[in-house]
N, C-alpha and C. Protein backbone atom coordinates (compact mmCIF):
# COMPACT_ATOMS: atom_id res chain seq x y z
N MET A 1 28.07 34.18 -105.06
CA MET A 1 29.17 33.36 -105.57
C MET A 1 30.26 34.26 -106.15
N LYS A 2 31.50 33.96 -105.81
CA LYS A 2 32.61 34.78 -106.27
C LYS A 2 32.97 34.49 -107.73
N THR A 3 33.45 35.54 -108.42
CA THR A 3 33.97 35.39 -109.77
C THR A 3 35.37 34.82 -109.68
N ARG A 4 35.60 33.69 -110.32
CA ARG A 4 36.89 33.00 -110.26
C ARG A 4 37.79 33.49 -111.39
N VAL A 5 38.93 34.03 -111.02
CA VAL A 5 39.82 34.69 -111.98
C VAL A 5 41.15 33.96 -112.07
N MET A 6 41.68 33.88 -113.30
CA MET A 6 43.02 33.34 -113.52
C MET A 6 43.89 34.44 -114.12
N LEU A 7 45.14 34.55 -113.65
CA LEU A 7 46.08 35.55 -114.14
C LEU A 7 47.12 34.88 -115.05
N ALA A 8 47.29 35.40 -116.26
CA ALA A 8 48.31 34.87 -117.17
C ALA A 8 49.20 36.02 -117.63
N ASP A 9 50.39 36.09 -117.04
CA ASP A 9 51.35 37.14 -117.37
C ASP A 9 52.73 36.60 -117.02
N ASP A 10 53.73 36.92 -117.84
CA ASP A 10 55.06 36.34 -117.61
C ASP A 10 55.89 37.11 -116.60
N HIS A 11 55.32 38.15 -115.98
CA HIS A 11 56.03 38.90 -114.96
C HIS A 11 55.41 38.60 -113.59
N ARG A 12 56.15 37.87 -112.77
CA ARG A 12 55.63 37.47 -111.46
C ARG A 12 55.25 38.68 -110.59
N MET A 13 56.08 39.71 -110.63
CA MET A 13 55.81 40.89 -109.81
C MET A 13 54.48 41.53 -110.22
N PHE A 14 54.20 41.56 -111.52
CA PHE A 14 52.95 42.14 -112.00
C PHE A 14 51.76 41.30 -111.51
N ARG A 15 51.90 39.97 -111.59
CA ARG A 15 50.81 39.10 -111.12
C ARG A 15 50.56 39.32 -109.62
N GLU A 16 51.65 39.40 -108.85
CA GLU A 16 51.51 39.60 -107.41
C GLU A 16 50.85 40.94 -107.10
N ALA A 17 51.18 41.95 -107.90
CA ALA A 17 50.58 43.28 -107.70
C ALA A 17 49.08 43.26 -108.02
N LEU A 18 48.69 42.43 -108.98
CA LEU A 18 47.27 42.32 -109.33
C LEU A 18 46.47 41.56 -108.28
N ARG A 19 47.07 40.55 -107.71
CA ARG A 19 46.35 39.69 -106.75
C ARG A 19 45.84 40.47 -105.55
N ILE A 20 46.62 41.41 -105.08
CA ILE A 20 46.27 42.12 -103.84
C ILE A 20 44.92 42.83 -103.95
N PRO A 21 44.71 43.72 -104.94
CA PRO A 21 43.40 44.39 -105.02
C PRO A 21 42.27 43.45 -105.42
N LEU A 22 42.59 42.43 -106.24
CA LEU A 22 41.52 41.51 -106.66
C LEU A 22 41.04 40.66 -105.50
N ASP A 23 41.96 40.11 -104.73
CA ASP A 23 41.58 39.28 -103.58
C ASP A 23 40.90 40.09 -102.49
N ALA A 24 41.09 41.41 -102.51
CA ALA A 24 40.46 42.26 -101.50
C ALA A 24 38.98 42.47 -101.78
N GLU A 25 38.54 42.16 -103.01
CA GLU A 25 37.13 42.31 -103.37
C GLU A 25 36.33 41.11 -102.87
N ASN A 26 35.16 41.38 -102.33
CA ASN A 26 34.32 40.30 -101.78
C ASN A 26 33.79 39.35 -102.85
N ASP A 27 33.67 39.84 -104.09
CA ASP A 27 33.05 39.04 -105.14
C ASP A 27 34.05 38.49 -106.15
N ILE A 28 35.35 38.60 -105.87
CA ILE A 28 36.39 38.13 -106.81
C ILE A 28 37.39 37.25 -106.07
N GLU A 29 37.80 36.17 -106.73
CA GLU A 29 38.78 35.24 -106.15
C GLU A 29 39.78 34.81 -107.22
N VAL A 30 41.06 35.01 -106.98
CA VAL A 30 42.10 34.55 -107.91
C VAL A 30 42.38 33.08 -107.62
N VAL A 31 42.10 32.23 -108.60
CA VAL A 31 42.20 30.78 -108.38
C VAL A 31 43.43 30.16 -109.00
N ALA A 32 44.11 30.86 -109.93
CA ALA A 32 45.28 30.27 -110.59
C ALA A 32 46.10 31.35 -111.28
N GLU A 33 47.35 31.01 -111.54
CA GLU A 33 48.25 31.91 -112.26
C GLU A 33 48.99 31.11 -113.34
N ALA A 34 49.46 31.83 -114.36
CA ALA A 34 50.25 31.20 -115.42
C ALA A 34 51.34 32.15 -115.85
N ASN A 35 52.49 31.58 -116.20
CA ASN A 35 53.65 32.36 -116.62
C ASN A 35 53.82 32.38 -118.14
N THR A 36 53.20 31.41 -118.82
CA THR A 36 53.32 31.28 -120.28
C THR A 36 51.95 30.98 -120.89
N GLY A 37 51.90 31.03 -122.21
CA GLY A 37 50.66 30.70 -122.89
C GLY A 37 50.28 29.25 -122.69
N ALA A 38 51.27 28.36 -122.74
CA ALA A 38 51.01 26.93 -122.55
C ALA A 38 50.45 26.68 -121.14
N GLU A 39 51.04 27.33 -120.14
CA GLU A 39 50.54 27.18 -118.78
C GLU A 39 49.13 27.73 -118.65
N ALA A 40 48.84 28.79 -119.37
CA ALA A 40 47.50 29.38 -119.32
C ALA A 40 46.46 28.40 -119.85
N LEU A 41 46.77 27.73 -120.95
CA LEU A 41 45.82 26.78 -121.54
C LEU A 41 45.61 25.59 -120.61
N VAL A 42 46.68 25.10 -120.00
CA VAL A 42 46.56 23.99 -119.06
C VAL A 42 45.75 24.43 -117.84
N GLY A 43 46.05 25.64 -117.35
CA GLY A 43 45.36 26.14 -116.17
C GLY A 43 43.88 26.37 -116.40
N VAL A 44 43.53 26.86 -117.57
CA VAL A 44 42.11 27.07 -117.88
C VAL A 44 41.38 25.72 -117.90
N ALA A 45 42.02 24.71 -118.51
CA ALA A 45 41.40 23.38 -118.56
C ALA A 45 41.23 22.80 -117.16
N GLU A 46 42.19 23.05 -116.28
CA GLU A 46 42.15 22.47 -114.94
C GLU A 46 41.20 23.21 -114.00
N HIS A 47 41.20 24.53 -114.07
CA HIS A 47 40.45 25.31 -113.09
C HIS A 47 39.13 25.87 -113.62
N LEU A 48 38.98 25.95 -114.95
CA LEU A 48 37.79 26.53 -115.57
C LEU A 48 37.37 27.83 -114.88
N PRO A 49 38.22 28.85 -114.94
CA PRO A 49 37.89 30.13 -114.30
C PRO A 49 36.74 30.82 -115.03
N ASP A 50 36.11 31.75 -114.37
CA ASP A 50 35.09 32.57 -115.03
C ASP A 50 35.75 33.58 -115.95
N VAL A 51 36.91 34.10 -115.52
CA VAL A 51 37.60 35.15 -116.27
C VAL A 51 39.09 34.82 -116.36
N LEU A 52 39.65 34.98 -117.55
CA LEU A 52 41.09 34.85 -117.77
C LEU A 52 41.65 36.22 -118.06
N LEU A 53 42.52 36.72 -117.19
CA LEU A 53 43.24 37.97 -117.44
C LEU A 53 44.50 37.61 -118.21
N LEU A 54 44.56 38.02 -119.47
CA LEU A 54 45.56 37.48 -120.40
C LEU A 54 46.48 38.56 -120.97
N ASP A 55 47.75 38.45 -120.65
CA ASP A 55 48.77 39.31 -121.26
C ASP A 55 48.86 38.97 -122.75
N ILE A 56 48.92 39.98 -123.61
CA ILE A 56 48.94 39.68 -125.04
C ILE A 56 50.33 39.31 -125.54
N ALA A 57 51.36 39.47 -124.69
CA ALA A 57 52.73 39.23 -125.13
C ALA A 57 53.41 38.17 -124.30
N LEU A 58 52.80 37.02 -124.18
CA LEU A 58 53.42 35.91 -123.45
C LEU A 58 54.61 35.37 -124.26
N PRO A 59 55.60 34.79 -123.60
CA PRO A 59 56.85 34.44 -124.29
C PRO A 59 56.77 33.29 -125.28
N ASP A 60 55.79 32.39 -125.13
CA ASP A 60 55.75 31.24 -126.03
C ASP A 60 54.62 31.34 -127.06
N ILE A 61 53.39 31.37 -126.59
CA ILE A 61 52.23 31.49 -127.47
C ILE A 61 51.65 32.88 -127.29
N LYS A 62 51.53 33.63 -128.36
CA LYS A 62 51.05 35.00 -128.21
C LYS A 62 49.61 35.00 -127.70
N GLY A 63 49.26 36.06 -126.98
CA GLY A 63 47.95 36.15 -126.34
C GLY A 63 46.79 36.02 -127.30
N ILE A 64 46.96 36.51 -128.51
CA ILE A 64 45.88 36.42 -129.50
C ILE A 64 45.54 34.95 -129.78
N GLU A 65 46.57 34.11 -129.91
CA GLU A 65 46.34 32.70 -130.18
C GLU A 65 45.77 31.99 -128.95
N VAL A 66 46.23 32.37 -127.76
CA VAL A 66 45.68 31.78 -126.53
C VAL A 66 44.19 32.09 -126.44
N ALA A 67 43.83 33.34 -126.72
CA ALA A 67 42.41 33.74 -126.67
C ALA A 67 41.58 32.93 -127.66
N ARG A 68 42.12 32.71 -128.86
CA ARG A 68 41.39 31.91 -129.85
C ARG A 68 41.15 30.49 -129.34
N ARG A 69 42.19 29.87 -128.79
CA ARG A 69 42.07 28.49 -128.32
C ARG A 69 41.12 28.38 -127.14
N VAL A 70 41.19 29.34 -126.24
CA VAL A 70 40.28 29.34 -125.09
C VAL A 70 38.83 29.48 -125.57
N GLY A 71 38.62 30.36 -126.54
CA GLY A 71 37.27 30.55 -127.08
C GLY A 71 36.72 29.30 -127.73
N ARG A 72 37.60 28.56 -128.44
CA ARG A 72 37.13 27.34 -129.13
C ARG A 72 36.84 26.22 -128.14
N ARG A 73 37.66 26.10 -127.09
CA ARG A 73 37.55 24.95 -126.18
C ARG A 73 36.75 25.23 -124.92
N PHE A 74 36.76 26.50 -124.49
CA PHE A 74 36.11 26.84 -123.23
C PHE A 74 35.29 28.12 -123.42
N GLY A 75 34.20 27.98 -124.10
CA GLY A 75 33.39 29.15 -124.48
C GLY A 75 32.85 29.95 -123.32
N SER A 76 32.75 29.35 -122.14
CA SER A 76 32.19 30.07 -121.00
C SER A 76 33.21 30.98 -120.32
N VAL A 77 34.48 30.83 -120.64
CA VAL A 77 35.53 31.63 -120.01
C VAL A 77 35.62 32.99 -120.70
N ARG A 78 35.45 34.04 -119.93
CA ARG A 78 35.59 35.39 -120.47
C ARG A 78 37.06 35.78 -120.46
N VAL A 79 37.51 36.39 -121.55
CA VAL A 79 38.92 36.78 -121.67
C VAL A 79 39.04 38.30 -121.61
N ILE A 80 39.90 38.76 -120.71
CA ILE A 80 40.22 40.18 -120.63
C ILE A 80 41.69 40.34 -121.01
N ALA A 81 41.95 41.05 -122.10
CA ALA A 81 43.33 41.26 -122.55
C ALA A 81 44.00 42.34 -121.71
N LEU A 82 45.24 42.07 -121.33
CA LEU A 82 46.05 43.05 -120.61
C LEU A 82 47.24 43.42 -121.48
N SER A 83 47.50 44.71 -121.65
CA SER A 83 48.60 45.10 -122.53
C SER A 83 49.12 46.48 -122.19
N GLY A 84 50.39 46.69 -122.52
CA GLY A 84 50.97 48.02 -122.41
C GLY A 84 50.79 48.81 -123.69
N TYR A 85 50.24 48.15 -124.72
CA TYR A 85 50.06 48.79 -126.02
C TYR A 85 48.65 49.30 -126.20
N SER A 86 48.52 50.57 -126.60
CA SER A 86 47.19 51.14 -126.88
C SER A 86 46.93 51.23 -128.38
N ASP A 87 47.78 50.60 -129.17
CA ASP A 87 47.62 50.62 -130.62
C ASP A 87 46.32 49.95 -131.03
N ARG A 88 45.59 50.59 -131.93
CA ARG A 88 44.28 50.08 -132.36
C ARG A 88 44.35 48.67 -132.92
N LEU A 89 45.44 48.35 -133.63
CA LEU A 89 45.54 47.03 -134.24
C LEU A 89 45.54 45.92 -133.20
N PHE A 90 46.23 46.15 -132.08
CA PHE A 90 46.25 45.14 -131.01
C PHE A 90 44.84 44.93 -130.45
N VAL A 91 44.14 46.05 -130.24
CA VAL A 91 42.78 45.97 -129.70
C VAL A 91 41.89 45.17 -130.64
N GLU A 92 41.93 45.49 -131.91
CA GLU A 92 41.08 44.81 -132.88
C GLU A 92 41.39 43.32 -132.96
N GLU A 93 42.68 42.98 -132.98
CA GLU A 93 43.06 41.58 -133.10
C GLU A 93 42.62 40.77 -131.87
N MET A 94 42.73 41.34 -130.68
CA MET A 94 42.30 40.63 -129.48
C MET A 94 40.79 40.46 -129.45
N LEU A 95 40.07 41.49 -129.85
CA LEU A 95 38.60 41.38 -129.87
C LEU A 95 38.16 40.35 -130.91
N LYS A 96 38.82 40.33 -132.06
CA LYS A 96 38.49 39.34 -133.08
C LYS A 96 38.79 37.93 -132.58
N ALA A 97 39.82 37.80 -131.73
CA ALA A 97 40.20 36.49 -131.20
C ALA A 97 39.25 36.01 -130.11
N GLY A 98 38.36 36.88 -129.67
CA GLY A 98 37.36 36.46 -128.69
C GLY A 98 37.41 37.13 -127.35
N ALA A 99 38.35 38.07 -127.15
CA ALA A 99 38.41 38.78 -125.87
C ALA A 99 37.18 39.67 -125.72
N GLN A 100 36.66 39.73 -124.50
CA GLN A 100 35.50 40.59 -124.23
C GLN A 100 35.92 41.97 -123.71
N ALA A 101 37.18 42.11 -123.33
CA ALA A 101 37.64 43.39 -122.79
C ALA A 101 39.13 43.55 -123.07
N TYR A 102 39.57 44.79 -123.08
CA TYR A 102 40.98 45.13 -123.30
C TYR A 102 41.33 46.24 -122.32
N VAL A 103 42.25 45.94 -121.41
CA VAL A 103 42.62 46.89 -120.36
C VAL A 103 44.11 47.19 -120.44
N LEU A 104 44.47 48.45 -120.39
CA LEU A 104 45.87 48.83 -120.42
C LEU A 104 46.52 48.57 -119.07
N LYS A 105 47.77 48.13 -119.10
CA LYS A 105 48.49 47.84 -117.86
C LYS A 105 48.75 49.11 -117.05
N SER A 106 48.66 50.25 -117.69
CA SER A 106 48.85 51.52 -116.97
C SER A 106 47.60 51.93 -116.21
N SER A 107 46.51 51.19 -116.39
CA SER A 107 45.26 51.52 -115.71
C SER A 107 45.32 51.17 -114.23
N GLY A 108 44.42 51.75 -113.46
CA GLY A 108 44.35 51.44 -112.04
C GLY A 108 43.59 50.14 -111.80
N ALA A 109 43.72 49.61 -110.58
CA ALA A 109 43.05 48.36 -110.23
C ALA A 109 41.54 48.50 -110.33
N ASP A 110 41.02 49.69 -110.04
CA ASP A 110 39.57 49.88 -110.10
C ASP A 110 39.04 49.67 -111.51
N GLU A 111 39.84 50.05 -112.51
CA GLU A 111 39.43 49.87 -113.90
C GLU A 111 39.39 48.38 -114.26
N LEU A 112 40.38 47.64 -113.81
CA LEU A 112 40.40 46.20 -114.07
C LEU A 112 39.23 45.50 -113.38
N ILE A 113 38.93 45.90 -112.17
CA ILE A 113 37.80 45.32 -111.45
C ILE A 113 36.49 45.64 -112.17
N SER A 114 36.38 46.85 -112.69
CA SER A 114 35.19 47.22 -113.47
C SER A 114 35.07 46.35 -114.72
N ALA A 115 36.22 46.07 -115.35
CA ALA A 115 36.21 45.23 -116.55
C ALA A 115 35.74 43.82 -116.22
N ILE A 116 36.21 43.28 -115.10
CA ILE A 116 35.80 41.93 -114.68
C ILE A 116 34.29 41.88 -114.47
N ARG A 117 33.77 42.86 -113.77
CA ARG A 117 32.33 42.88 -113.50
C ARG A 117 31.52 43.12 -114.77
N ALA A 118 32.08 43.90 -115.68
CA ALA A 118 31.38 44.16 -116.94
C ALA A 118 31.24 42.88 -117.76
N VAL A 119 32.35 42.14 -117.93
CA VAL A 119 32.27 40.92 -118.76
C VAL A 119 31.41 39.86 -118.09
N MET A 120 31.41 39.82 -116.77
CA MET A 120 30.55 38.88 -116.06
C MET A 120 29.09 39.23 -116.23
N GLY A 121 28.83 40.51 -116.51
CA GLY A 121 27.46 40.94 -116.76
C GLY A 121 27.06 40.86 -118.23
N GLY A 122 27.96 40.29 -119.04
CA GLY A 122 27.64 40.13 -120.46
C GLY A 122 27.98 41.32 -121.32
N HIS A 123 28.81 42.22 -120.80
CA HIS A 123 29.16 43.43 -121.54
C HIS A 123 30.63 43.41 -121.97
N ASN A 124 30.95 44.26 -122.93
CA ASN A 124 32.34 44.45 -123.32
C ASN A 124 32.91 45.64 -122.56
N PHE A 125 34.25 45.70 -122.53
CA PHE A 125 34.89 46.79 -121.79
C PHE A 125 36.20 47.16 -122.46
N LEU A 126 36.41 48.47 -122.63
CA LEU A 126 37.69 48.99 -123.11
C LEU A 126 38.14 50.09 -122.17
N SER A 127 39.44 50.17 -121.93
CA SER A 127 39.97 51.29 -121.16
C SER A 127 39.54 52.59 -121.86
N PRO A 128 39.20 53.62 -121.10
CA PRO A 128 38.73 54.88 -121.71
C PRO A 128 39.66 55.40 -122.80
N GLU A 129 40.96 55.31 -122.59
CA GLU A 129 41.91 55.77 -123.61
C GLU A 129 41.71 55.02 -124.93
N LEU A 130 41.42 53.73 -124.84
CA LEU A 130 41.22 52.91 -126.04
C LEU A 130 39.91 53.25 -126.72
N THR A 131 38.90 53.58 -125.95
CA THR A 131 37.62 53.98 -126.53
C THR A 131 37.81 55.20 -127.43
N SER A 132 38.62 56.16 -126.96
CA SER A 132 38.89 57.35 -127.75
C SER A 132 39.62 57.00 -129.05
N VAL A 133 40.57 56.07 -128.95
CA VAL A 133 41.32 55.63 -130.14
C VAL A 133 40.39 55.02 -131.17
N MET A 134 39.49 54.15 -130.72
CA MET A 134 38.58 53.47 -131.64
C MET A 134 37.57 54.44 -132.25
N VAL A 135 37.09 55.39 -131.44
CA VAL A 135 36.13 56.37 -131.95
C VAL A 135 36.78 57.24 -133.02
N ARG A 136 38.03 57.68 -132.77
CA ARG A 136 38.72 58.49 -133.77
C ARG A 136 38.91 57.72 -135.06
N HIS A 137 39.20 56.43 -134.94
CA HIS A 137 39.39 55.60 -136.13
C HIS A 137 38.12 55.55 -136.97
N VAL A 138 36.98 55.38 -136.31
CA VAL A 138 35.70 55.33 -137.03
C VAL A 138 35.37 56.69 -137.64
N GLN A 139 35.59 57.75 -136.87
CA GLN A 139 35.24 59.09 -137.34
C GLN A 139 36.07 59.53 -138.53
N THR A 140 37.31 59.04 -138.62
CA THR A 140 38.18 59.41 -139.75
C THR A 140 38.03 58.47 -140.93
N GLY A 141 37.09 57.56 -140.85
CA GLY A 141 36.83 56.66 -141.97
C GLY A 141 37.69 55.43 -141.99
N GLY A 142 38.50 55.22 -140.93
CA GLY A 142 39.32 54.01 -140.85
C GLY A 142 40.54 54.08 -141.75
N GLU A 143 41.35 53.05 -141.69
CA GLU A 143 42.57 52.95 -142.48
C GLU A 143 42.55 51.64 -143.26
N PRO A 144 43.26 51.58 -144.38
CA PRO A 144 43.32 50.32 -145.11
C PRO A 144 43.89 49.22 -144.22
N PRO A 145 43.37 48.00 -144.30
CA PRO A 145 43.90 46.92 -143.47
C PRO A 145 45.36 46.63 -143.79
N THR A 146 46.14 46.32 -142.78
CA THR A 146 47.55 45.99 -142.99
C THR A 146 47.65 44.63 -143.65
N PRO A 147 48.47 44.48 -144.68
CA PRO A 147 48.60 43.18 -145.35
C PRO A 147 49.08 42.09 -144.40
N PRO A 148 48.72 40.83 -144.67
CA PRO A 148 49.16 39.73 -143.80
C PRO A 148 50.65 39.47 -143.94
N LEU A 149 51.19 38.75 -142.96
CA LEU A 149 52.63 38.45 -142.93
C LEU A 149 53.06 37.66 -144.15
N THR A 150 52.15 36.92 -144.75
CA THR A 150 52.49 36.05 -145.88
C THR A 150 52.92 36.82 -147.13
N VAL A 151 52.70 38.15 -147.15
CA VAL A 151 53.15 38.92 -148.32
C VAL A 151 54.67 39.07 -148.32
N LEU A 152 55.30 38.78 -147.17
CA LEU A 152 56.76 38.88 -147.07
C LEU A 152 57.41 37.52 -147.30
N GLY A 153 58.54 37.53 -147.96
CA GLY A 153 59.32 36.32 -148.13
C GLY A 153 60.00 35.93 -146.82
N LYS A 154 60.59 34.73 -146.80
CA LYS A 154 61.24 34.24 -145.58
C LYS A 154 62.36 35.18 -145.12
N ARG A 155 63.21 35.61 -146.04
CA ARG A 155 64.30 36.51 -145.68
C ARG A 155 63.77 37.85 -145.20
N GLU A 156 62.71 38.35 -145.83
CA GLU A 156 62.12 39.62 -145.40
C GLU A 156 61.56 39.51 -143.99
N GLN A 157 60.97 38.37 -143.66
CA GLN A 157 60.46 38.17 -142.31
C GLN A 157 61.60 38.16 -141.29
N GLU A 158 62.72 37.55 -141.68
CA GLU A 158 63.89 37.53 -140.79
C GLU A 158 64.40 38.94 -140.55
N VAL A 159 64.47 39.73 -141.62
CA VAL A 159 64.94 41.11 -141.49
C VAL A 159 63.97 41.92 -140.63
N LEU A 160 62.68 41.74 -140.85
CA LEU A 160 61.67 42.45 -140.06
C LEU A 160 61.82 42.14 -138.58
N CYS A 161 62.02 40.88 -138.25
CA CYS A 161 62.16 40.46 -136.87
C CYS A 161 63.36 41.13 -136.21
N LEU A 162 64.47 41.19 -136.92
CA LEU A 162 65.68 41.80 -136.38
C LEU A 162 65.56 43.33 -136.29
N LEU A 163 64.86 43.92 -137.25
CA LEU A 163 64.59 45.36 -137.18
C LEU A 163 63.77 45.67 -135.93
N ALA A 164 62.78 44.84 -135.69
CA ALA A 164 61.91 45.04 -134.52
C ALA A 164 62.67 44.85 -133.22
N ASP A 165 63.76 44.08 -133.26
CA ASP A 165 64.58 43.88 -132.07
C ASP A 165 65.57 45.04 -131.86
N GLY A 166 65.53 46.02 -132.77
CA GLY A 166 66.36 47.20 -132.60
C GLY A 166 67.71 47.15 -133.27
N LEU A 167 67.96 46.14 -134.11
CA LEU A 167 69.26 46.02 -134.76
C LEU A 167 69.37 46.99 -135.94
N ARG A 168 70.58 47.51 -136.17
CA ARG A 168 70.85 48.36 -137.33
C ARG A 168 71.12 47.49 -138.54
N SER A 169 71.11 48.13 -139.71
CA SER A 169 71.30 47.40 -140.96
C SER A 169 72.62 46.62 -140.97
N ALA A 170 73.70 47.24 -140.48
CA ALA A 170 75.01 46.57 -140.47
C ALA A 170 74.98 45.35 -139.56
N GLU A 171 74.31 45.46 -138.42
CA GLU A 171 74.21 44.34 -137.48
C GLU A 171 73.38 43.20 -138.07
N ILE A 172 72.31 43.58 -138.76
CA ILE A 172 71.46 42.56 -139.40
C ILE A 172 72.26 41.85 -140.50
N ALA A 173 73.02 42.62 -141.27
CA ALA A 173 73.83 42.04 -142.34
C ALA A 173 74.81 41.02 -141.79
N THR A 174 75.46 41.35 -140.68
CA THR A 174 76.41 40.43 -140.07
C THR A 174 75.72 39.16 -139.59
N GLN A 175 74.57 39.32 -138.95
CA GLN A 175 73.87 38.17 -138.40
C GLN A 175 73.33 37.24 -139.47
N LEU A 176 72.89 37.81 -140.59
CA LEU A 176 72.30 37.00 -141.66
C LEU A 176 73.32 36.61 -142.73
N GLY A 177 74.52 37.18 -142.67
CA GLY A 177 75.55 36.84 -143.65
C GLY A 177 75.28 37.43 -145.02
N ILE A 178 74.70 38.64 -145.04
CA ILE A 178 74.43 39.33 -146.30
C ILE A 178 75.02 40.73 -146.20
N THR A 179 74.98 41.49 -147.30
CA THR A 179 75.56 42.83 -147.29
C THR A 179 74.57 43.83 -146.70
N THR A 180 75.11 44.94 -146.24
CA THR A 180 74.27 46.01 -145.70
C THR A 180 73.34 46.55 -146.78
N ALA A 181 73.84 46.65 -148.00
CA ALA A 181 73.00 47.13 -149.10
C ALA A 181 71.80 46.22 -149.32
N THR A 182 72.02 44.92 -149.20
CA THR A 182 70.92 43.96 -149.36
C THR A 182 69.88 44.14 -148.26
N VAL A 183 70.37 44.37 -147.03
CA VAL A 183 69.45 44.61 -145.92
C VAL A 183 68.59 45.84 -146.20
N ASP A 184 69.22 46.91 -146.71
CA ASP A 184 68.48 48.14 -146.99
C ASP A 184 67.42 47.92 -148.08
N VAL A 185 67.75 47.06 -149.05
CA VAL A 185 66.76 46.72 -150.09
C VAL A 185 65.58 45.99 -149.46
N HIS A 186 65.88 45.01 -148.59
CA HIS A 186 64.81 44.28 -147.91
C HIS A 186 63.96 45.23 -147.06
N ARG A 187 64.62 46.17 -146.39
CA ARG A 187 63.89 47.13 -145.54
C ARG A 187 62.90 47.94 -146.38
N ARG A 188 63.36 48.43 -147.53
CA ARG A 188 62.47 49.21 -148.40
C ARG A 188 61.31 48.36 -148.91
N ASN A 189 61.62 47.13 -149.31
CA ASN A 189 60.56 46.25 -149.82
C ASN A 189 59.53 45.92 -148.74
N ILE A 190 60.01 45.70 -147.51
CA ILE A 190 59.11 45.38 -146.40
C ILE A 190 58.14 46.54 -146.17
N LYS A 191 58.67 47.76 -146.13
CA LYS A 191 57.82 48.93 -145.90
C LYS A 191 56.80 49.09 -147.02
N GLN A 192 57.23 48.87 -148.26
CA GLN A 192 56.31 49.00 -149.39
C GLN A 192 55.21 47.95 -149.33
N LYS A 193 55.59 46.70 -149.05
CA LYS A 193 54.61 45.61 -149.03
C LYS A 193 53.60 45.76 -147.89
N LEU A 194 54.09 46.24 -146.74
CA LEU A 194 53.21 46.36 -145.57
C LEU A 194 52.54 47.72 -145.49
N ARG A 195 52.94 48.64 -146.38
CA ARG A 195 52.41 50.01 -146.37
C ARG A 195 52.67 50.69 -145.02
N LEU A 196 53.86 50.46 -144.48
CA LEU A 196 54.27 51.07 -143.23
C LEU A 196 55.48 51.96 -143.51
N HIS A 197 55.71 52.95 -142.64
CA HIS A 197 56.71 53.97 -142.97
C HIS A 197 57.83 54.11 -141.97
N THR A 198 57.61 53.69 -140.73
CA THR A 198 58.63 53.90 -139.70
C THR A 198 59.00 52.58 -139.02
N THR A 199 60.14 52.60 -138.34
CA THR A 199 60.57 51.41 -137.60
C THR A 199 59.59 51.11 -136.47
N ALA A 200 59.03 52.15 -135.86
CA ALA A 200 58.04 51.95 -134.79
C ALA A 200 56.83 51.19 -135.31
N GLU A 201 56.37 51.53 -136.50
CA GLU A 201 55.23 50.83 -137.10
C GLU A 201 55.59 49.38 -137.41
N LEU A 202 56.80 49.17 -137.90
CA LEU A 202 57.25 47.80 -138.18
C LEU A 202 57.33 46.98 -136.90
N THR A 203 57.77 47.61 -135.82
CA THR A 203 57.87 46.91 -134.54
C THR A 203 56.50 46.50 -134.04
N ARG A 204 55.53 47.41 -134.10
CA ARG A 204 54.17 47.08 -133.66
C ARG A 204 53.59 45.95 -134.51
N TYR A 205 53.86 46.00 -135.81
CA TYR A 205 53.38 44.94 -136.70
C TYR A 205 54.01 43.60 -136.33
N ALA A 206 55.31 43.61 -136.04
CA ALA A 206 56.01 42.36 -135.68
C ALA A 206 55.45 41.77 -134.39
N VAL A 207 55.14 42.62 -133.42
CA VAL A 207 54.55 42.14 -132.18
C VAL A 207 53.17 41.54 -132.45
N ARG A 208 52.37 42.24 -133.24
CA ARG A 208 51.01 41.75 -133.51
C ARG A 208 51.02 40.41 -134.23
N GLU A 209 52.03 40.21 -135.08
CA GLU A 209 52.10 38.96 -135.84
C GLU A 209 52.87 37.88 -135.11
N GLY A 210 53.31 38.16 -133.88
CA GLY A 210 53.97 37.14 -133.08
C GLY A 210 55.44 36.92 -133.40
N LEU A 211 56.07 37.86 -134.14
CA LEU A 211 57.49 37.73 -134.46
C LEU A 211 58.38 38.12 -133.30
N ARG A 212 57.86 38.91 -132.40
CA ARG A 212 58.60 39.28 -131.21
C ARG A 212 57.61 39.62 -130.12
N SER A 213 58.08 39.69 -128.85
CA SER A 213 57.23 40.02 -127.71
C SER A 213 57.15 41.51 -127.51
N ALA A 214 56.02 41.93 -126.91
CA ALA A 214 55.85 43.36 -126.61
C ALA A 214 56.76 43.77 -125.46
């Protein structure tokens, strides 16, 4: 019996590129596709695939939330997260949400096929690069957990979102109708509250919390 797979990614070209090697396997069959998180949830309910290949940065409902909902409603569906991000926080959040595997989009098709077969066999799977990241984290004693988004006020969340979109302080000030100095104060407070130091770290945090897409 073939493993029935559903693809959920907002890039049609990427989905089409995945279908070719998957459909070429004798034991794998792509039964459905989805462009958004909402479509993924509807498709899972309709087709009940064995495996959901899930982009973590869908445009409407973030992949972490989709994985949680699939786990609650369709416990038999195995979730494999697909992402361009190798950041440990993304891996941990997806695994906590119920994903059985996490595969980088830079990986080859053979790695994705191995992940599908692994989860169907009751095992977990991480791209080799991610395994190294997680091992280093354990060996170094780990890092303090990042504070939740709720530690930031509404205006600070707005500033964080715009920072993650690549806007400068002056541009943020214009968009929010505040002074540049006020934006800089918010920026300092955000970094202190989240214990983050760079714009890149703030961007990764914003993606993980669903404030912007990857």
